Amino acid sequence: MALEIQNVVFACPGNSPESYQRGARPVAEFYAALLGMRIVREDWFLVAGDGRLMLGFGDGPIDYQPPRWPDPAYPQQLHVDVAVPELAAAGERAAELGAELLDDRRDWHVYADPIGHPFCFYQEATDRARIVRIVIDCPEPRELATFYSALLELPERELDTPDRVVLAGTPQLAFQRSDAPAPRWPDPAYPQQVHLDLFTDDVEEARAHAVSVGAEALQTDGPDHHVYADPAGHPFCI
């Protein structure tokens, strides 16, 4: 049995097929254009590229409240780091597609996608924009890293500090300190903003494994997927 991250799923407004199309399609098109990927599914928008990692766009309430980084009342919870060949050119392209620059940290730039989900650009030796890290906010990075290290069998740490831990992988999985409130799925007052879909070839064994390393079962009667929360409250699906 092995669990791997298959989808990063961004919440979008929409509580009907029509409103979901209006709310999710523009965001799916944005990431497809930004990352040189393509939409491969449209009933539930899924964006894929050359690698195994895909981006999904989940439906939510029509009055869905997106992140407003850095406002702690509307926390980001999870974001992606994107490697780009050159920061200025990547920023211009992102702005053309509808992104908003939120912060310029010289070595990296923080943007928001068209509905508010933050992401970061880092200049690295790459020929195109690509996701290199998935970053999860939490009060105790080392504790949450220990959970995901066991859950996903990622033992190697490329960085290990009290405020930030990075697990080696493709993409890397990082944890950074934040005191912002965690999601409380399915409470709409504390919505999940982004979550992970984990895939396996043995669902029953994976479910037992998740609970054994500290996951909380939230919904386990679905026909196609089962919802759990990590020890910091972030939902994920198996």
Protein backbone atom coordinates (compact mmCIF):
# COMPACT_ATOMS: atom_id res chain seq x y z
CA MET A 1 0.00 0.00 0.00
CA ALA A 2 1.25 3.48 -0.89
CA LEU A 3 -0.44 6.85 -0.63
CA GLU A 4 0.59 9.68 -2.94
CA ILE A 5 -0.62 13.20 -3.55
CA GLN A 6 -2.60 13.16 -6.79
CA ASN A 7 -4.66 16.38 -6.73
CA VAL A 8 -4.37 19.79 -5.11
CA VAL A 9 -8.00 20.94 -4.93
CA PHE A 10 -8.92 24.63 -4.74
CA ALA A 11 -12.30 25.63 -3.37
CA CYS A 12 -14.45 27.71 -5.73
CA PRO A 13 -17.90 29.28 -5.46
CA GLY A 14 -20.78 27.26 -6.86
CA ASN A 15 -23.65 25.16 -5.53
CA SER A 16 -25.24 24.06 -8.81
CA PRO A 17 -23.90 22.88 -12.18
CA GLU A 18 -24.41 26.36 -13.63
CA SER A 19 -22.85 28.32 -10.77
CA TYR A 20 -19.99 25.82 -10.53
CA GLN A 21 -19.20 26.39 -14.20
CA ARG A 22 -19.17 30.15 -13.61
CA GLY A 23 -17.10 29.90 -10.43
CA ALA A 24 -14.61 27.15 -11.26
CA ARG A 25 -13.94 27.38 -14.99
CA PRO A 26 -12.11 30.74 -14.91
CA VAL A 27 -9.81 29.53 -12.12
CA ALA A 28 -9.10 26.24 -13.89
CA GLU A 29 -8.31 28.15 -17.08
CA PHE A 30 -6.05 30.51 -15.13
CA TYR A 31 -3.87 27.72 -13.70
CA ALA A 32 -3.83 25.81 -16.98
CA ALA A 33 -2.46 28.88 -18.78
CA LEU A 34 -0.09 29.86 -15.95
CA LEU A 35 1.50 26.43 -15.67
CA GLY A 36 1.32 25.23 -19.27
CA MET A 37 -1.24 22.57 -18.33
CA ARG A 38 -4.60 21.65 -19.82
CA ILE A 39 -8.14 21.01 -18.64
CA VAL A 40 -8.73 17.26 -18.87
CA ARG A 41 -12.12 17.08 -17.17
CA GLU A 42 -14.97 19.59 -17.12
CA ASP A 43 -17.83 18.11 -15.08
CA TRP A 44 -15.44 18.46 -12.12
CA PHE A 45 -12.65 20.68 -13.39
CA LEU A 46 -9.29 18.92 -13.40
CA VAL A 47 -6.07 20.37 -14.85
CA ALA A 48 -3.13 18.14 -15.79
CA GLY A 49 0.32 18.53 -17.29
CA ASP A 50 3.27 16.26 -17.95
CA GLY A 51 3.72 15.16 -14.33
CA ARG A 52 1.51 13.12 -12.02
CA LEU A 53 0.29 16.04 -9.92
CA MET A 54 -3.05 17.50 -11.03
CA LEU A 55 -5.10 20.49 -9.89
CA GLY A 56 -8.78 20.14 -9.08
CA PHE A 57 -11.40 22.80 -8.49
CA GLY A 58 -14.06 21.88 -5.97
CA ASP A 59 -17.58 23.19 -5.68
CA GLY A 60 -18.61 25.16 -2.63
CA PRO A 61 -21.44 27.38 -1.41
CA ILE A 62 -22.47 30.16 -3.73
CA ASP A 63 -21.40 32.63 -1.02
CA TYR A 64 -18.01 30.97 -0.60
CA GLN A 65 -15.50 33.25 1.13
CA PRO A 66 -11.98 32.86 -0.33
CA PRO A 67 -8.70 33.64 1.45
CA ARG A 68 -7.68 37.27 1.88
CA TRP A 69 -3.98 36.88 2.59
CA PRO A 70 -2.56 38.03 4.99
CA ASP A 71 -5.83 38.63 6.88
CA PRO A 72 -5.96 35.91 9.59
CA ALA A 73 -9.76 36.04 9.57
CA TYR A 74 -9.69 34.62 6.03
CA PRO A 75 -6.65 32.31 6.16
CA GLN A 76 -4.99 30.69 3.15
CA GLN A 77 -4.41 27.33 4.99
CA LEU A 78 -2.44 25.86 2.09
CA HIS A 79 -0.68 27.25 -0.98
CA VAL A 80 1.68 26.19 -3.74
CA ASP A 81 5.19 27.46 -4.49
CA VAL A 82 5.89 27.81 -8.20
CA ALA A 83 9.41 27.80 -9.68
CA VAL A 84 9.81 30.18 -12.62
CA PRO A 85 12.77 31.05 -14.89
CA GLU A 86 12.53 34.78 -14.20
CA LEU A 87 10.40 36.58 -11.60
CA ALA A 88 9.57 39.75 -13.53
CA ALA A 89 8.44 37.96 -16.68
CA ALA A 90 6.45 35.43 -14.69
CA GLY A 91 4.76 38.24 -12.78
CA GLU A 92 3.79 40.02 -15.98
CA ARG A 93 2.29 36.82 -17.34
CA ALA A 94 0.41 36.15 -14.11
CA ALA A 95 -1.02 39.68 -14.12
CA GLU A 96 -2.14 39.28 -17.75
CA LEU A 97 -4.03 36.15 -16.72
CA GLY A 98 -5.76 37.87 -13.79
CA ALA A 99 -3.44 37.40 -10.79
CA GLU A 100 -2.84 40.14 -8.23
CA LEU A 101 0.56 40.88 -6.71
CA LEU A 102 0.21 40.76 -2.91
CA ASP A 103 3.81 41.07 -1.74
CA ASP A 104 7.31 41.44 -3.21
CA ARG A 105 9.86 39.72 -0.96
CA ARG A 106 12.72 40.19 -3.48
CA ASP A 107 13.61 36.50 -3.59
CA TRP A 108 10.00 35.45 -4.00
CA HIS A 109 6.73 37.13 -4.92
CA VAL A 110 3.29 36.43 -3.49
CA TYR A 111 0.28 36.54 -5.81
CA ALA A 112 -3.41 35.77 -5.54
CA ASP A 113 -5.25 33.88 -8.25
CA PRO A 114 -8.46 35.41 -9.69
CA ILE A 115 -10.55 34.32 -6.68
CA GLY A 116 -8.00 35.00 -3.96
CA HIS A 117 -5.96 31.82 -3.39
CA PRO A 118 -2.34 32.90 -2.74
CA PHE A 119 0.63 31.29 -4.47
CA CYS A 120 4.34 32.14 -4.54
CA PHE A 121 6.81 32.52 -7.39
CA TYR A 122 10.45 31.54 -6.79
CA GLN A 123 13.15 32.09 -9.41
CA GLU A 124 14.95 28.81 -10.06
CA ALA A 125 16.77 27.01 -12.86
CA THR A 126 13.73 25.80 -14.79
CA ASP A 127 12.49 26.14 -18.34
CA ARG A 128 8.88 26.85 -17.35
CA ALA A 129 6.59 27.57 -14.43
CA ARG A 130 6.05 24.45 -12.35
CA ILE A 131 4.80 23.59 -8.86
CA VAL A 132 7.74 22.62 -6.66
CA ARG A 133 6.20 22.74 -3.16
CA ILE A 134 2.86 22.37 -1.44
CA VAL A 135 2.93 24.45 1.74
CA ILE A 136 0.58 23.85 4.68
CA ASP A 137 0.01 26.38 7.46
CA CYS A 138 -0.16 24.98 10.99
CA PRO A 139 0.64 25.90 14.61
CA GLU A 140 3.34 23.22 15.02
CA PRO A 141 5.28 22.50 11.79
CA ARG A 142 7.42 19.70 13.20
CA GLU A 143 4.42 17.82 14.59
CA LEU A 144 2.44 18.06 11.36
CA ALA A 145 5.50 17.12 9.30
CA THR A 146 5.87 13.99 11.42
CA PHE A 147 2.27 13.04 10.61
CA TYR A 148 2.63 13.51 6.84
CA SER A 149 6.04 11.85 6.84
CA ALA A 150 4.41 8.72 8.26
CA LEU A 151 1.24 9.01 6.18
CA LEU A 152 3.03 9.39 2.83
CA GLU A 153 6.27 7.56 3.66
CA LEU A 154 8.42 10.66 3.16
CA PRO A 155 11.20 10.26 5.74
CA GLU A 156 13.76 12.78 4.45
CA ARG A 157 13.63 16.38 5.67
CA GLU A 158 15.35 18.99 3.51
CA LEU A 159 14.71 21.67 6.13
CA ASP A 160 13.86 21.26 9.81
CA THR A 161 13.32 24.36 11.96
CA PRO A 162 10.68 25.25 14.57
CA ASP A 163 8.93 27.54 12.07
CA ARG A 164 9.31 25.62 8.80
CA VAL A 165 9.86 22.00 7.82
CA VAL A 166 10.26 20.71 4.26
CA LEU A 167 9.86 17.03 3.35
CA ALA A 168 11.75 15.84 0.28
CA GLY A 169 9.59 14.70 -2.61
CA THR A 170 8.24 15.71 -6.01
CA PRO A 171 6.72 18.08 -5.23
CA GLN A 172 8.13 18.86 -1.81
CA LEU A 173 5.70 19.08 1.09
CA ALA A 174 6.35 21.99 3.48
CA PHE A 175 4.86 23.14 6.77
CA GLN A 176 5.05 26.70 8.06
CA ARG A 177 4.01 28.18 11.38
CA SER A 178 0.70 30.04 11.47
CA ASP A 179 -1.75 30.83 14.26
CA ALA A 180 -4.66 31.39 11.85
CA PRO A 181 -7.76 29.29 12.55
CA ALA A 182 -7.86 25.88 10.91
CA PRO A 183 -10.72 24.64 8.71
CA ARG A 184 -13.54 22.76 10.43
CA TRP A 185 -14.98 20.75 7.57
CA PRO A 186 -17.88 20.83 6.74
CA ASP A 187 -18.63 23.96 8.84
CA PRO A 188 -19.12 26.83 6.31
CA ALA A 189 -17.97 29.33 8.94
CA TYR A 190 -14.50 27.73 8.81
CA PRO A 191 -14.26 26.57 5.18
CA GLN A 192 -11.45 24.54 3.71
CA GLN A 193 -9.68 26.63 1.08
CA VAL A 194 -7.45 24.02 -0.49
CA HIS A 195 -7.17 20.30 0.20
CA LEU A 196 -5.24 17.28 -1.02
CA ASP A 197 -6.56 14.17 -2.75
CA LEU A 198 -4.44 11.11 -1.94
CA PHE A 199 -4.56 8.08 -4.21
CA THR A 200 -3.76 4.47 -3.39
CA ASP A 201 -4.13 0.98 -4.82
CA ASP A 202 -5.56 -0.32 -1.52
CA VAL A 203 -8.20 1.97 -0.06
CA GLU A 204 -9.06 -0.10 3.01
CA GLU A 205 -5.45 -0.48 4.07
CA ALA A 206 -4.80 3.22 3.39
CA ARG A 207 -7.76 4.23 5.57
CA ALA A 208 -6.52 2.10 8.45
CA HIS A 209 -3.00 3.47 7.99
CA ALA A 210 -4.23 7.08 8.06
CA VAL A 211 -6.04 6.57 11.36
CA SER A 212 -3.10 4.69 12.86
CA VAL A 213 -0.74 7.65 12.29
CA GLY A 214 -3.15 10.25 13.67
CA ALA A 215 -5.80 11.18 11.08
CA GLU A 216 -9.40 11.78 12.11
CA ALA A 217 -12.17 10.22 10.02
CA LEU A 218 -14.69 12.88 8.94
CA GLN A 219 -16.74 11.11 6.26
CA THR A 220 -16.17 7.48 5.38
CA ASP A 221 -19.40 6.46 3.64
CA GLY A 222 -18.74 8.00 0.22
CA PRO A 223 -18.73 5.66 -2.77
CA ASP A 224 -15.57 7.06 -4.37
CA HIS A 225 -13.62 8.86 -1.66
CA HIS A 226 -13.27 9.15 2.10
CA VAL A 227 -12.59 12.39 4.00
CA TYR A 228 -10.11 12.67 6.87
CA ALA A 229 -8.50 15.52 8.80
CA ASP A 230 -4.84 15.78 9.67
CA PRO A 231 -3.91 16.61 13.29
CA ALA A 232 -4.09 20.35 12.53
CA GLY A 233 -7.60 20.09 11.06
CA HIS A 234 -6.87 20.23 7.32
CA PRO A 235 -9.18 17.86 5.43
CA PHE A 236 -7.80 15.46 2.84
CA CYS A 237 -9.43 12.76 0.75
CA ILE A 238 -8.41 9.17 0.13
